[in-house]
Amino acid sequence: MNAGGREEVTSVPSGRGLLLDAAVPLRLAAAGELALGREFTVRVFDPSAMATRDVTMKVSARDTIVVPDSATTDAAGRFTASSWDSIPAWKLEQRFGGVVITTWVDDDGQIVRAESPLGFTIERTYSDLARQAWRDGRANSQLAEGYGALIQGTAISSNVDLADVATRDALRVRLGNVDLEGFDLAGGRQVLRGDTLVIMFHFIIDHFGYTIHLLIVAIHPVL
Protein backbone atom coordinates (compact mmCIF):
# COMPACT_ATOMS: atom_id res chain seq x y z
CA MET A 1 0.00 0.00 0.00
CA ASN A 2 1.31 3.46 -0.91
CA ALA A 3 0.57 6.03 1.78
CA GLY A 4 2.21 9.36 2.45
CA GLY A 5 4.42 8.91 -0.60
CA ARG A 6 5.94 5.69 0.76
CA GLU A 7 5.15 2.03 0.46
CA GLU A 8 3.77 0.36 3.58
CA VAL A 9 3.08 -3.31 4.30
CA THR A 10 0.34 -4.12 6.81
CA SER A 11 -0.67 -7.52 8.17
CA VAL A 12 -4.19 -8.06 9.50
CA PRO A 13 -5.03 -11.23 11.50
CA SER A 14 -7.79 -13.03 9.61
CA GLY A 15 -9.31 -14.95 12.52
CA ARG A 16 -12.01 -17.54 12.07
CA GLY A 17 -14.99 -16.82 9.85
CA LEU A 18 -13.60 -13.59 8.38
CA LEU A 19 -15.07 -12.79 4.95
CA LEU A 20 -14.62 -10.23 2.24
CA ASP A 21 -17.66 -7.99 1.95
CA ALA A 22 -18.60 -9.24 -1.53
CA ALA A 23 -18.48 -12.88 -0.39
CA VAL A 24 -21.17 -12.53 2.28
CA PRO A 25 -24.20 -12.87 -0.08
CA LEU A 26 -22.53 -15.84 -1.80
CA ARG A 27 -22.02 -17.58 1.55
CA LEU A 28 -25.62 -16.90 2.62
CA ALA A 29 -26.99 -18.24 -0.66
CA ALA A 30 -24.81 -21.37 -0.53
CA ALA A 31 -26.03 -22.07 3.03
CA GLY A 32 -29.67 -21.58 2.05
CA GLU A 33 -30.02 -18.63 4.43
CA LEU A 34 -31.66 -16.19 2.01
CA ALA A 35 -35.14 -15.90 3.50
CA LEU A 36 -37.32 -12.89 4.18
CA GLY A 37 -36.75 -11.41 7.64
CA ARG A 38 -33.48 -13.23 8.36
CA GLU A 39 -30.80 -11.08 10.03
CA PHE A 40 -27.10 -11.83 10.49
CA THR A 41 -24.02 -10.25 12.04
CA VAL A 42 -20.82 -11.12 10.22
CA ARG A 43 -17.19 -10.03 10.51
CA VAL A 44 -15.73 -8.71 7.26
CA PHE A 45 -12.40 -7.31 6.12
CA ASP A 46 -12.54 -3.68 4.96
CA PRO A 47 -9.66 -3.02 2.49
CA SER A 48 -10.23 0.75 2.63
CA ALA A 49 -9.47 0.78 6.37
CA MET A 50 -7.18 -2.29 6.40
CA ALA A 51 -9.16 -3.59 9.35
CA THR A 52 -12.00 -5.92 10.28
CA ARG A 53 -15.47 -4.77 11.27
CA ASP A 54 -18.81 -6.31 12.25
CA VAL A 55 -21.72 -5.62 9.92
CA THR A 56 -25.40 -6.43 10.32
CA MET A 57 -27.13 -7.78 7.23
CA LYS A 58 -30.89 -8.22 6.94
CA VAL A 59 -32.95 -9.84 4.18
CA SER A 60 -35.69 -7.21 3.95
CA ALA A 61 -37.59 -7.82 0.69
CA ARG A 62 -38.18 -10.10 -2.27
CA ASP A 63 -38.89 -8.66 -5.72
CA THR A 64 -38.25 -9.05 -9.44
CA ILE A 65 -35.68 -6.87 -11.23
CA VAL A 66 -35.66 -6.50 -15.02
CA VAL A 67 -32.21 -6.35 -16.68
CA PRO A 68 -30.98 -6.40 -20.33
CA ASP A 69 -30.47 -9.96 -21.56
CA SER A 70 -29.13 -9.27 -25.06
CA ALA A 71 -28.19 -6.36 -27.32
CA THR A 72 -28.18 -5.37 -30.96
CA THR A 73 -26.57 -2.53 -32.91
CA ASP A 74 -28.49 0.45 -34.22
CA ALA A 75 -27.88 2.49 -37.40
CA ALA A 76 -25.06 4.39 -35.67
CA GLY A 77 -23.31 1.15 -34.70
CA ARG A 78 -24.07 1.48 -31.00
CA PHE A 79 -25.41 -1.33 -28.86
CA THR A 80 -28.94 -1.10 -27.51
CA ALA A 81 -30.85 -3.61 -25.38
CA SER A 82 -32.93 -5.94 -27.55
CA SER A 83 -34.44 -8.24 -24.93
CA TRP A 84 -34.90 -8.26 -21.17
CA ASP A 85 -34.82 -10.80 -18.38
CA SER A 86 -36.79 -10.83 -15.12
CA ILE A 87 -34.64 -11.95 -12.18
CA PRO A 88 -36.15 -12.80 -8.76
CA ALA A 89 -33.96 -11.01 -6.24
CA TRP A 90 -33.47 -10.63 -2.50
CA LYS A 91 -32.95 -7.21 -0.95
CA LEU A 92 -30.07 -7.15 1.57
CA GLU A 93 -29.59 -4.18 3.90
CA GLN A 94 -26.08 -3.95 5.31
CA ARG A 95 -25.59 -1.64 8.30
CA PHE A 96 -22.39 -0.43 9.99
CA GLY A 97 -21.48 2.85 11.66
CA GLY A 98 -24.86 4.38 10.87
CA VAL A 99 -24.43 3.72 7.13
CA VAL A 100 -26.89 1.56 5.16
CA ILE A 101 -25.84 -0.16 1.91
CA THR A 102 -28.60 -1.82 -0.13
CA THR A 103 -27.83 -4.76 -2.39
CA TRP A 104 -30.16 -6.92 -4.50
CA VAL A 105 -28.88 -10.43 -5.20
CA ASP A 106 -30.25 -13.43 -7.09
CA ASP A 107 -30.79 -16.88 -5.60
CA ASP A 108 -27.09 -17.67 -6.07
CA GLY A 109 -25.99 -14.55 -4.17
CA GLN A 110 -24.77 -12.79 -7.32
CA ILE A 111 -25.33 -9.03 -7.38
CA VAL A 112 -28.18 -7.73 -9.53
CA ARG A 113 -28.16 -4.16 -8.22
CA ALA A 114 -26.15 -2.35 -5.54
CA GLU A 115 -27.02 1.10 -4.20
CA SER A 116 -24.43 3.24 -2.42
CA PRO A 117 -25.37 5.83 0.24
CA LEU A 118 -23.33 8.28 -1.88
CA GLY A 119 -25.93 7.99 -4.65
CA PHE A 120 -24.14 5.58 -7.00
CA THR A 121 -25.96 2.53 -8.39
CA ILE A 122 -24.40 -0.57 -9.97
CA GLU A 123 -26.71 -2.72 -12.09
CA ARG A 124 -26.29 -6.00 -13.92
CA THR A 125 -26.41 -5.59 -17.70
CA TYR A 126 -25.48 -7.34 -20.93
CA SER A 127 -21.73 -7.57 -21.58
CA ASP A 128 -21.75 -5.55 -24.83
CA LEU A 129 -23.65 -2.73 -23.14
CA ALA A 130 -21.22 -2.74 -20.21
CA ARG A 131 -18.15 -2.58 -22.48
CA GLN A 132 -19.74 0.22 -24.50
CA ALA A 133 -20.36 2.26 -21.34
CA TRP A 134 -16.77 1.59 -20.24
CA ARG A 135 -15.40 2.80 -23.60
CA ASP A 136 -17.60 5.90 -23.43
CA GLY A 137 -16.15 6.66 -20.00
CA ARG A 138 -12.58 6.20 -21.24
CA ALA A 139 -13.25 8.56 -24.14
CA ASN A 140 -14.46 11.26 -21.76
CA SER A 141 -11.34 13.13 -20.64
CA GLN A 142 -12.97 14.30 -17.39
CA LEU A 143 -13.83 10.73 -16.44
CA ALA A 144 -10.63 9.11 -17.73
CA GLU A 145 -8.31 11.45 -15.79
CA GLY A 146 -8.63 11.12 -12.03
CA TYR A 147 -12.00 9.34 -12.29
CA GLY A 148 -13.62 12.73 -12.91
CA ALA A 149 -17.17 12.80 -11.64
CA LEU A 150 -16.52 9.96 -9.18
CA ILE A 151 -13.98 11.96 -7.19
CA GLN A 152 -16.00 15.16 -7.53
CA GLY A 153 -19.09 13.36 -6.29
CA THR A 154 -17.41 11.83 -3.23
CA ALA A 155 -14.87 14.48 -2.25
CA ILE A 156 -15.64 16.70 0.74
CA SER A 157 -14.97 20.36 0.03
CA SER A 158 -13.02 22.51 2.49
CA ASN A 159 -12.98 26.26 3.10
CA VAL A 160 -9.34 26.06 4.20
CA ASP A 161 -6.48 26.67 1.76
CA LEU A 162 -4.40 23.47 1.69
CA ALA A 163 -1.82 24.67 -0.84
CA ASP A 164 0.97 24.47 1.77
CA VAL A 165 -0.15 21.22 3.38
CA ALA A 166 3.10 19.49 2.35
CA THR A 167 5.06 21.86 4.61
CA ARG A 168 3.09 20.96 7.72
CA ASP A 169 3.86 18.22 10.22
CA ALA A 170 0.22 17.16 10.60
CA LEU A 171 -3.20 17.74 9.14
CA ARG A 172 -6.17 18.14 11.48
CA VAL A 173 -9.72 17.66 10.25
CA ARG A 174 -12.78 18.24 12.44
CA LEU A 175 -15.55 15.74 11.68
CA GLY A 176 -19.12 16.80 12.36
CA ASN A 177 -22.72 15.81 11.61
CA VAL A 178 -21.79 12.15 11.16
CA ASP A 179 -21.94 9.06 13.37
CA LEU A 180 -18.33 7.85 13.66
CA GLU A 181 -19.22 4.58 15.39
CA GLY A 182 -17.91 1.58 13.49
CA PHE A 183 -15.26 3.49 11.52
CA ASP A 184 -11.65 2.54 12.24
CA LEU A 185 -10.03 5.99 12.26
CA ALA A 186 -7.12 5.30 14.60
CA GLY A 187 -3.92 3.57 13.58
CA GLY A 188 -0.96 4.04 11.27
CA ARG A 189 -0.37 7.74 10.65
CA GLN A 190 -3.69 8.97 12.03
CA VAL A 191 -5.45 9.24 15.38
CA LEU A 192 -8.93 10.41 16.38
CA ARG A 193 -9.09 12.88 19.28
CA GLY A 194 -12.68 13.66 20.13
CA ASP A 195 -14.18 14.93 16.89
CA THR A 196 -10.79 15.81 15.36
CA LEU A 197 -8.87 13.45 13.07
CA VAL A 198 -5.10 14.05 13.17
CA ILE A 199 -3.12 12.77 10.17
CA MET A 200 0.65 12.83 10.72
CA PHE A 201 3.46 12.75 8.19
CA HIS A 202 5.50 9.56 8.46
CA PHE A 203 9.27 9.87 8.28
CA ILE A 204 11.47 6.79 7.76
CA ILE A 205 15.18 6.84 8.58
CA ASP A 206 17.39 4.09 7.17
CA HIS A 207 20.57 3.38 9.10
CA PHE A 208 22.91 0.39 9.24
CA GLY A 209 20.53 -2.07 7.60
CA TYR A 210 17.49 -1.49 9.75
CA THR A 211 14.55 0.93 9.73
CA ILE A 212 13.52 3.35 12.44
CA HIS A 213 9.94 4.61 12.26
CA LEU A 214 9.74 8.13 13.66
CA LEU A 215 6.47 9.98 14.12
CA ILE A 216 6.83 13.74 14.40
CA VAL A 217 3.82 15.61 15.73
CA ALA A 218 3.56 19.36 16.11
CA ILE A 219 0.71 21.48 17.41
CA HIS A 220 -0.98 23.70 14.83
CA PRO A 221 -4.28 25.55 14.77
CA VAL A 222 -7.17 23.28 13.81
CA LEU A 223 -7.90 23.48 10.08
C-alpha atoms as a PDB file:
ATOM      1  CA  MET A   1       0.000   0.000   0.000  1.00  0.00           C
ATOM      2  CA  ASN A   2       1.308   3.458  -0.910  1.00  0.00           C
ATOM      3  CA  ALA A   3       0.574   6.025   1.781  1.00  0.00           C
ATOM      4  CA  GLY A   4       2.207   9.355   2.449  1.00  0.00           C
ATOM      5  CA  GLY A   5       4.423   8.912  -0.597  1.00  0.00           C
ATOM      6  CA  ARG A   6       5.936   5.687   0.763  1.00  0.00           C
ATOM      7  CA  GLU A   7       5.152   2.027   0.463  1.00  0.00           C
ATOM      8  CA  GLU A   8       3.769   0.356   3.580  1.00  0.00           C
ATOM      9  CA  VAL A   9       3.078  -3.307   4.303  1.00  0.00           C
ATOM     10  CA  THR A  10       0.337  -4.122   6.806  1.00  0.00           C
ATOM     11  CA  SER A  11      -0.673  -7.523   8.171  1.00  0.00           C
ATOM     12  CA  VAL A  12      -4.195  -8.064   9.500  1.00  0.00           C
ATOM     13  CA  PRO A  13      -5.026 -11.233  11.499  1.00  0.00           C
ATOM     14  CA  SER A  14      -7.787 -13.033   9.614  1.00  0.00           C
ATOM     15  CA  GLY A  15      -9.305 -14.950  12.515  1.00  0.00           C
ATOM     16  CA  ARG A  16     -12.011 -17.539  12.066  1.00  0.00           C
ATOM     17  CA  GLY A  17     -14.994 -16.818   9.854  1.00  0.00           C
ATOM     18  CA  LEU A  18     -13.603 -13.589   8.379  1.00  0.00           C
ATOM     19  CA  LEU A  19     -15.072 -12.791   4.949  1.00  0.00           C
ATOM     20  CA  LEU A  20     -14.617 -10.232   2.236  1.00  0.00           C
ATOM     21  CA  ASP A  21     -17.662  -7.992   1.950  1.00  0.00           C
ATOM     22  CA  ALA A  22     -18.605  -9.238  -1.531  1.00  0.00           C
ATOM     23  CA  ALA A  23     -18.476 -12.879  -0.395  1.00  0.00           C
ATOM     24  CA  VAL A  24     -21.173 -12.525   2.281  1.00  0.00           C
ATOM     25  CA  PRO A  25     -24.197 -12.869  -0.079  1.00  0.00           C
ATOM     26  CA  LEU A  26     -22.534 -15.837  -1.796  1.00  0.00           C
ATOM     27  CA  ARG A  27     -22.020 -17.575   1.555  1.00  0.00           C
ATOM     28  CA  LEU A  28     -25.620 -16.903   2.624  1.00  0.00           C
ATOM     29  CA  ALA A  29     -26.994 -18.244  -0.663  1.00  0.00           C
ATOM     30  CA  ALA A  30     -24.812 -21.369  -0.531  1.00  0.00           C
ATOM     31  CA  ALA A  31     -26.029 -22.067   3.025  1.00  0.00           C
ATOM     32  CA  GLY A  32     -29.675 -21.576   2.049  1.00  0.00           C
ATOM     33  CA  GLU A  33     -30.017 -18.632   4.434  1.00  0.00           C
ATOM     34  CA  LEU A  34     -31.658 -16.191   2.005  1.00  0.00           C
ATOM     35  CA  ALA A  35     -35.137 -15.905   3.500  1.00  0.00           C
ATOM     36  CA  LEU A  36     -37.323 -12.889   4.182  1.00  0.00           C
ATOM     37  CA  GLY A  37     -36.749 -11.406   7.639  1.00  0.00           C
ATOM     38  CA  ARG A  38     -33.475 -13.230   8.364  1.00  0.00           C
ATOM     39  CA  GLU A  39     -30.799 -11.082  10.026  1.00  0.00           C
ATOM     40  CA  PHE A  40     -27.105 -11.827  10.490  1.00  0.00           C
ATOM     41  CA  THR A  41     -24.020 -10.252  12.042  1.00  0.00           C
ATOM     42  CA  VAL A  42     -20.816 -11.125  10.225  1.00  0.00           C
ATOM     43  CA  ARG A  43     -17.192 -10.031  10.508  1.00  0.00           C
ATOM     44  CA  VAL A  44     -15.727  -8.712   7.262  1.00  0.00           C
ATOM     45  CA  PHE A  45     -12.404  -7.306   6.116  1.00  0.00           C
ATOM     46  CA  ASP A  46     -12.542  -3.678   4.956  1.00  0.00           C
ATOM     47  CA  PRO A  47      -9.661  -3.019   2.488  1.00  0.00           C
ATOM     48  CA  SER A  48     -10.230   0.747   2.633  1.00  0.00           C
ATOM     49  CA  ALA A  49      -9.469   0.779   6.368  1.00  0.00           C
ATOM     50  CA  MET A  50      -7.175  -2.291   6.405  1.00  0.00           C
ATOM     51  CA  ALA A  51      -9.161  -3.589   9.354  1.00  0.00           C
ATOM     52  CA  THR A  52     -12.000  -5.918  10.278  1.00  0.00           C
ATOM     53  CA  ARG A  53     -15.473  -4.773  11.272  1.00  0.00           C
ATOM     54  CA  ASP A  54     -18.806  -6.307  12.250  1.00  0.00           C
ATOM     55  CA  VAL A  55     -21.724  -5.621   9.924  1.00  0.00           C
ATOM     56  CA  THR A  56     -25.398  -6.435  10.324  1.00  0.00           C
ATOM     57  CA  MET A  57     -27.127  -7.777   7.230  1.00  0.00           C
ATOM     58  CA  LYS A  58     -30.894  -8.219   6.935  1.00  0.00           C
ATOM     59  CA  VAL A  59     -32.946  -9.845   4.178  1.00  0.00           C
ATOM     60  CA  SER A  60     -35.689  -7.212   3.951  1.00  0.00           C
ATOM     61  CA  ALA A  61     -37.592  -7.816   0.690  1.00  0.00           C
ATOM     62  CA  ARG A  62     -38.183 -10.103  -2.267  1.00  0.00           C
ATOM     63  CA  ASP A  63     -38.893  -8.658  -5.721  1.00  0.00           C
ATOM     64  CA  THR A  64     -38.249  -9.045  -9.442  1.00  0.00           C
ATOM     65  CA  ILE A  65     -35.679  -6.869 -11.233  1.00  0.00           C
ATOM     66  CA  VAL A  66     -35.656  -6.504 -15.022  1.00  0.00           C
ATOM     67  CA  VAL A  67     -32.213  -6.346 -16.682  1.00  0.00           C
ATOM     68  CA  PRO A  68     -30.976  -6.399 -20.327  1.00  0.00           C
ATOM     69  CA  ASP A  69     -30.471  -9.957 -21.562  1.00  0.00           C
ATOM     70  CA  SER A  70     -29.127  -9.274 -25.058  1.00  0.00           C
ATOM     71  CA  ALA A  71     -28.186  -6.363 -27.317  1.00  0.00           C
ATOM     72  CA  THR A  72     -28.185  -5.368 -30.964  1.00  0.00           C
ATOM     73  CA  THR A  73     -26.565  -2.531 -32.906  1.00  0.00           C
ATOM     74  CA  ASP A  74     -28.489   0.455 -34.222  1.00  0.00           C
ATOM     75  CA  ALA A  75     -27.878   2.486 -37.401  1.00  0.00           C
ATOM     76  CA  ALA A  76     -25.058   4.387 -35.675  1.00  0.00           C
ATOM     77  CA  GLY A  77     -23.308   1.145 -34.701  1.00  0.00           C
ATOM     78  CA  ARG A  78     -24.072   1.482 -31.000  1.00  0.00           C
ATOM     79  CA  PHE A  79     -25.407  -1.332 -28.857  1.00  0.00           C
ATOM     80  CA  THR A  80     -28.937  -1.096 -27.510  1.00  0.00           C
ATOM     81  CA  ALA A  81     -30.846  -3.611 -25.383  1.00  0.00           C
ATOM     82  CA  SER A  82     -32.928  -5.936 -27.554  1.00  0.00           C
ATOM     83  CA  SER A  83     -34.441  -8.244 -24.931  1.00  0.00           C
ATOM     84  CA  TRP A  84     -34.902  -8.257 -21.170  1.00  0.00           C
ATOM     85  CA  ASP A  85     -34.816 -10.803 -18.376  1.00  0.00           C
ATOM     86  CA  SER A  86     -36.795 -10.829 -15.123  1.00  0.00           C
ATOM     87  CA  ILE A  87     -34.643 -11.955 -12.176  1.00  0.00           C
ATOM     88  CA  PRO A  88     -36.153 -12.804  -8.764  1.00  0.00           C
ATOM     89  CA  ALA A  89     -33.958 -11.012  -6.244  1.00  0.00           C
ATOM     90  CA  TRP A  90     -33.465 -10.629  -2.498  1.00  0.00           C
ATOM     91  CA  LYS A  91     -32.949  -7.211  -0.951  1.00  0.00           C
ATOM     92  CA  LEU A  92     -30.074  -7.150   1.569  1.00  0.00           C
ATOM     93  CA  GLU A  93     -29.589  -4.183   3.902  1.00  0.00           C
ATOM     94  CA  GLN A  94     -26.076  -3.947   5.306  1.00  0.00           C
ATOM     95  CA  ARG A  95     -25.586  -1.638   8.296  1.00  0.00           C
ATOM     96  CA  PHE A  96     -22.393  -0.427   9.985  1.00  0.00           C
ATOM     97  CA  GLY A  97     -21.482   2.848  11.660  1.00  0.00           C
ATOM     98  CA  GLY A  98     -24.864   4.384  10.865  1.00  0.00           C
ATOM     99  CA  VAL A  99     -24.432   3.719   7.130  1.00  0.00           C
ATOM    100  CA  VAL A 100     -26.891   1.558   5.159  1.00  0.00           C
ATOM    101  CA  ILE A 101     -25.839  -0.158   1.913  1.00  0.00           C
ATOM    102  CA  THR A 102     -28.597  -1.818  -0.125  1.00  0.00           C
ATOM    103  CA  THR A 103     -27.827  -4.763  -2.395  1.00  0.00           C
ATOM    104  CA  TRP A 104     -30.158  -6.915  -4.504  1.00  0.00           C
ATOM    105  CA  VAL A 105     -28.881 -10.433  -5.196  1.00  0.00           C
ATOM    106  CA  ASP A 106     -30.247 -13.432  -7.089  1.00  0.00           C
ATOM    107  CA  ASP A 107     -30.794 -16.880  -5.601  1.00  0.00           C
ATOM    108  CA  ASP A 108     -27.087 -17.673  -6.072  1.00  0.00           C
ATOM    109  CA  GLY A 109     -25.993 -14.549  -4.173  1.00  0.00           C
ATOM    110  CA  GLN A 110     -24.770 -12.787  -7.322  1.00  0.00           C
ATOM    111  CA  ILE A 111     -25.333  -9.031  -7.376  1.00  0.00           C
ATOM    112  CA  VAL A 112     -28.178  -7.731  -9.532  1.00  0.00           C
ATOM    113  CA  ARG A 113     -28.156  -4.161  -8.222  1.00  0.00           C
ATOM    114  CA  ALA A 114     -26.153  -2.353  -5.535  1.00  0.00           C
ATOM    115  CA  GLU A 115     -27.020   1.100  -4.199  1.00  0.00           C
ATOM    116  CA  SER A 116     -24.429   3.236  -2.423  1.00  0.00           C
ATOM    117  CA  PRO A 117     -25.369   5.831   0.239  1.00  0.00           C
ATOM    118  CA  LEU A 118     -23.329   8.278  -1.878  1.00  0.00           C
ATOM    119  CA  GLY A 119     -25.927   7.989  -4.649  1.00  0.00           C
ATOM    120  CA  PHE A 120     -24.145   5.580  -6.996  1.00  0.00           C
ATOM    121  CA  THR A 121     -25.962   2.529  -8.390  1.00  0.00           C
ATOM    122  CA  ILE A 122     -24.402  -0.572  -9.974  1.00  0.00           C
ATOM    123  CA  GLU A 123     -26.712  -2.720 -12.095  1.00  0.00           C
ATOM    124  CA  ARG A 124     -26.289  -5.997 -13.924  1.00  0.00           C
ATOM    125  CA  THR A 125     -26.414  -5.589 -17.698  1.00  0.00           C
ATOM    126  CA  TYR A 126     -25.483  -7.337 -20.927  1.00  0.00           C
ATOM    127  CA  SER A 127     -21.727  -7.573 -21.584  1.00  0.00           C
ATOM    128  CA  ASP A 128     -21.746  -5.553 -24.833  1.00  0.00           C
ATOM    129  CA  LEU A 129     -23.647  -2.732 -23.141  1.00  0.00           C
ATOM    130  CA  ALA A 130     -21.217  -2.738 -20.206  1.00  0.00           C
ATOM    131  CA  ARG A 131     -18.152  -2.583 -22.478  1.00  0.00           C
ATOM    132  CA  GLN A 132     -19.738   0.217 -24.502  1.00  0.00           C
ATOM    133  CA  ALA A 133     -20.361   2.259 -21.337  1.00  0.00           C
ATOM    134  CA  TRP A 134     -16.774   1.593 -20.236  1.00  0.00           C
ATOM    135  CA  ARG A 135     -15.397   2.804 -23.595  1.00  0.00           C
ATOM    136  CA  ASP A 136     -17.597   5.905 -23.428  1.00  0.00           C
ATOM    137  CA  GLY A 137     -16.151   6.659 -20.004  1.00  0.00           C
ATOM    138  CA  ARG A 138     -12.585   6.205 -21.235  1.00  0.00           C
ATOM    139  CA  ALA A 139     -13.250   8.557 -24.142  1.00  0.00           C
ATOM    140  CA  ASN A 140     -14.461  11.261 -21.757  1.00  0.00           C
ATOM    141  CA  SER A 141     -11.337  13.135 -20.636  1.00  0.00           C
ATOM    142  CA  GLN A 142     -12.969  14.297 -17.392  1.00  0.00           C
ATOM    143  CA  LEU A 143     -13.827  10.726 -16.440  1.00  0.00           C
ATOM    144  CA  ALA A 144     -10.628   9.113 -17.729  1.00  0.00           C
ATOM    145  CA  GLU A 145      -8.310  11.451 -15.786  1.00  0.00           C
ATOM    146  CA  GLY A 146      -8.631  11.116 -12.025  1.00  0.00           C
ATOM    147  CA  TYR A 147     -11.996   9.340 -12.287  1.00  0.00           C
ATOM    148  CA  GLY A 148     -13.621  12.731 -12.915  1.00  0.00           C
ATOM    149  CA  ALA A 149     -17.167  12.804 -11.641  1.00  0.00           C
ATOM    150  CA  LEU A 150     -16.516   9.960  -9.183  1.00  0.00           C
ATOM    151  CA  ILE A 151     -13.975  11.959  -7.187  1.00  0.00           C
ATOM    152  CA  GLN A 152     -15.997  15.162  -7.527  1.00  0.00           C
ATOM    153  CA  GLY A 153     -19.087  13.364  -6.286  1.00  0.00           C
ATOM    154  CA  THR A 154     -17.411  11.827  -3.231  1.00  0.00           C
ATOM    155  CA  ALA A 155     -14.868  14.482  -2.252  1.00  0.00           C
ATOM    156  CA  ILE A 156     -15.635  16.705   0.740  1.00  0.00           C
ATOM    157  CA  SER A 157     -14.965  20.358   0.032  1.00  0.00           C
ATOM    158  CA  SER A 158     -13.021  22.513   2.485  1.00  0.00           C
ATOM    159  CA  ASN A 159     -12.981  26.263   3.100  1.00  0.00           C
ATOM    160  CA  VAL A 160      -9.335  26.060   4.202  1.00  0.00           C
ATOM    161  CA  ASP A 161      -6.483  26.673   1.756  1.00  0.00           C
ATOM    162  CA  LEU A 162      -4.396  23.471   1.692  1.00  0.00           C
ATOM    163  CA  ALA A 163      -1.821  24.667  -0.843  1.00  0.00           C
ATOM    164  CA  ASP A 164       0.966  24.467   1.765  1.00  0.00           C
ATOM    165  CA  VAL A 165      -0.148  21.220   3.376  1.00  0.00           C
ATOM    166  CA  ALA A 166       3.104  19.491   2.355  1.00  0.00           C
ATOM    167  CA  THR A 167       5.057  21.861   4.608  1.00  0.00           C
ATOM    168  CA  ARG A 168       3.088  20.963   7.723  1.00  0.00           C
ATOM    169  CA  ASP A 169       3.860  18.224  10.219  1.00  0.00           C
ATOM    170  CA  ALA A 170       0.223  17.164  10.601  1.00  0.00           C
ATOM    171  CA  LEU A 171      -3.202  17.743   9.137  1.00  0.00           C
ATOM    172  CA  ARG A 172      -6.172  18.143  11.475  1.00  0.00           C
ATOM    173  CA  VAL A 173      -9.725  17.662  10.253  1.00  0.00           C
ATOM    174  CA  ARG A 174     -12.777  18.245  12.440  1.00  0.00           C
ATOM    175  CA  LEU A 175     -15.550  15.742  11.681  1.00  0.00           C
ATOM    176  CA  GLY A 176     -19.119  16.801  12.355  1.00  0.00           C
ATOM    177  CA  ASN A 177     -22.720  15.815  11.612  1.00  0.00           C
ATOM    178  CA  VAL A 178     -21.788  12.152  11.162  1.00  0.00           C
ATOM    179  CA  ASP A 179     -21.943   9.056  13.368  1.00  0.00           C
ATOM    180  CA  LEU A 180     -18.331   7.850  13.661  1.00  0.00           C
ATOM    181  CA  GLU A 181     -19.220   4.584  15.390  1.00  0.00           C
ATOM    182  CA  GLY A 182     -17.908   1.585  13.489  1.00  0.00           C
ATOM    183  CA  PHE A 183     -15.264   3.492  11.519  1.00  0.00           C
ATOM    184  CA  ASP A 184     -11.652   2.542  12.238  1.00  0.00           C
ATOM    185  CA  LEU A 185     -10.032   5.991  12.255  1.00  0.00           C
ATOM    186  CA  ALA A 186      -7.118   5.300  14.601  1.00  0.00           C
ATOM    187  CA  GLY A 187      -3.919   3.572  13.583  1.00  0.00           C
ATOM    188  CA  GLY A 188      -0.965   4.043  11.265  1.00  0.00           C
ATOM    189  CA  ARG A 189      -0.366   7.742  10.651  1.00  0.00           C
ATOM    190  CA  GLN A 190      -3.690   8.967  12.029  1.00  0.00           C
ATOM    191  CA  VAL A 191      -5.454   9.237  15.377  1.00  0.00           C
ATOM    192  CA  LEU A 192      -8.934  10.412  16.380  1.00  0.00           C
ATOM    193  CA  ARG A 193      -9.087  12.878  19.285  1.00  0.00           C
ATOM    194  CA  GLY A 194     -12.685  13.657  20.132  1.00  0.00           C
ATOM    195  CA  ASP A 195     -14.185  14.933  16.892  1.00  0.00           C
ATOM    196  CA  THR A 196     -10.795  15.811  15.359  1.00  0.00           C
ATOM    197  CA  LEU A 197      -8.871  13.451  13.074  1.00  0.00           C
ATOM    198  CA  VAL A 198      -5.100  14.052  13.166  1.00  0.00           C
ATOM    199  CA  ILE A 199      -3.118  12.767  10.170  1.00  0.00           C
ATOM    200  CA  MET A 200       0.646  12.835  10.721  1.00  0.00           C
ATOM    201  CA  PHE A 201       3.459  12.747   8.191  1.00  0.00           C
ATOM    202  CA  HIS A 202       5.501   9.556   8.459  1.00  0.00           C
ATOM    203  CA  PHE A 203       9.270   9.872   8.278  1.00  0.00           C
ATOM    204  CA  ILE A 204      11.470   6.787   7.763  1.00  0.00           C
ATOM    205  CA  ILE A 205      15.178   6.837   8.585  1.00  0.00           C
ATOM    206  CA  ASP A 206      17.390   4.092   7.171  1.00  0.00           C
ATOM    207  CA  HIS A 207      20.569   3.384   9.099  1.00  0.00           C
ATOM    208  CA  PHE A 208      22.910   0.390   9.240  1.00  0.00           C
ATOM    209  CA  GLY A 209      20.530  -2.067   7.601  1.00  0.00           C
ATOM    210  CA  TYR A 210      17.487  -1.487   9.746  1.00  0.00           C
ATOM    211  CA  THR A 211      14.552   0.932   9.733  1.00  0.00           C
ATOM    212  CA  ILE A 212      13.518   3.353  12.443  1.00  0.00           C
ATOM    213  CA  HIS A 213       9.942   4.612  12.264  1.00  0.00           C
ATOM    214  CA  LEU A 214       9.745   8.128  13.659  1.00  0.00           C
ATOM    215  CA  LEU A 215       6.475   9.978  14.122  1.00  0.00           C
ATOM    216  CA  ILE A 216       6.828  13.736  14.401  1.00  0.00           C
ATOM    217  CA  VAL A 217       3.816  15.607  15.730  1.00  0.00           C
ATOM    218  CA  ALA A 218       3.563  19.364  16.113  1.00  0.00           C
ATOM    219  CA  ILE A 219       0.712  21.482  17.414  1.00  0.00           C
ATOM    220  CA  HIS A 220      -0.979  23.696  14.830  1.00  0.00           C
ATOM    221  CA  PRO A 221      -4.278  25.548  14.767  1.00  0.00           C
ATOM    222  CA  VAL A 222      -7.175  23.275  13.809  1.00  0.00           C
ATOM    223  CA  LEU A 223      -7.895  23.485  10.084  1.00  0.00           C
END
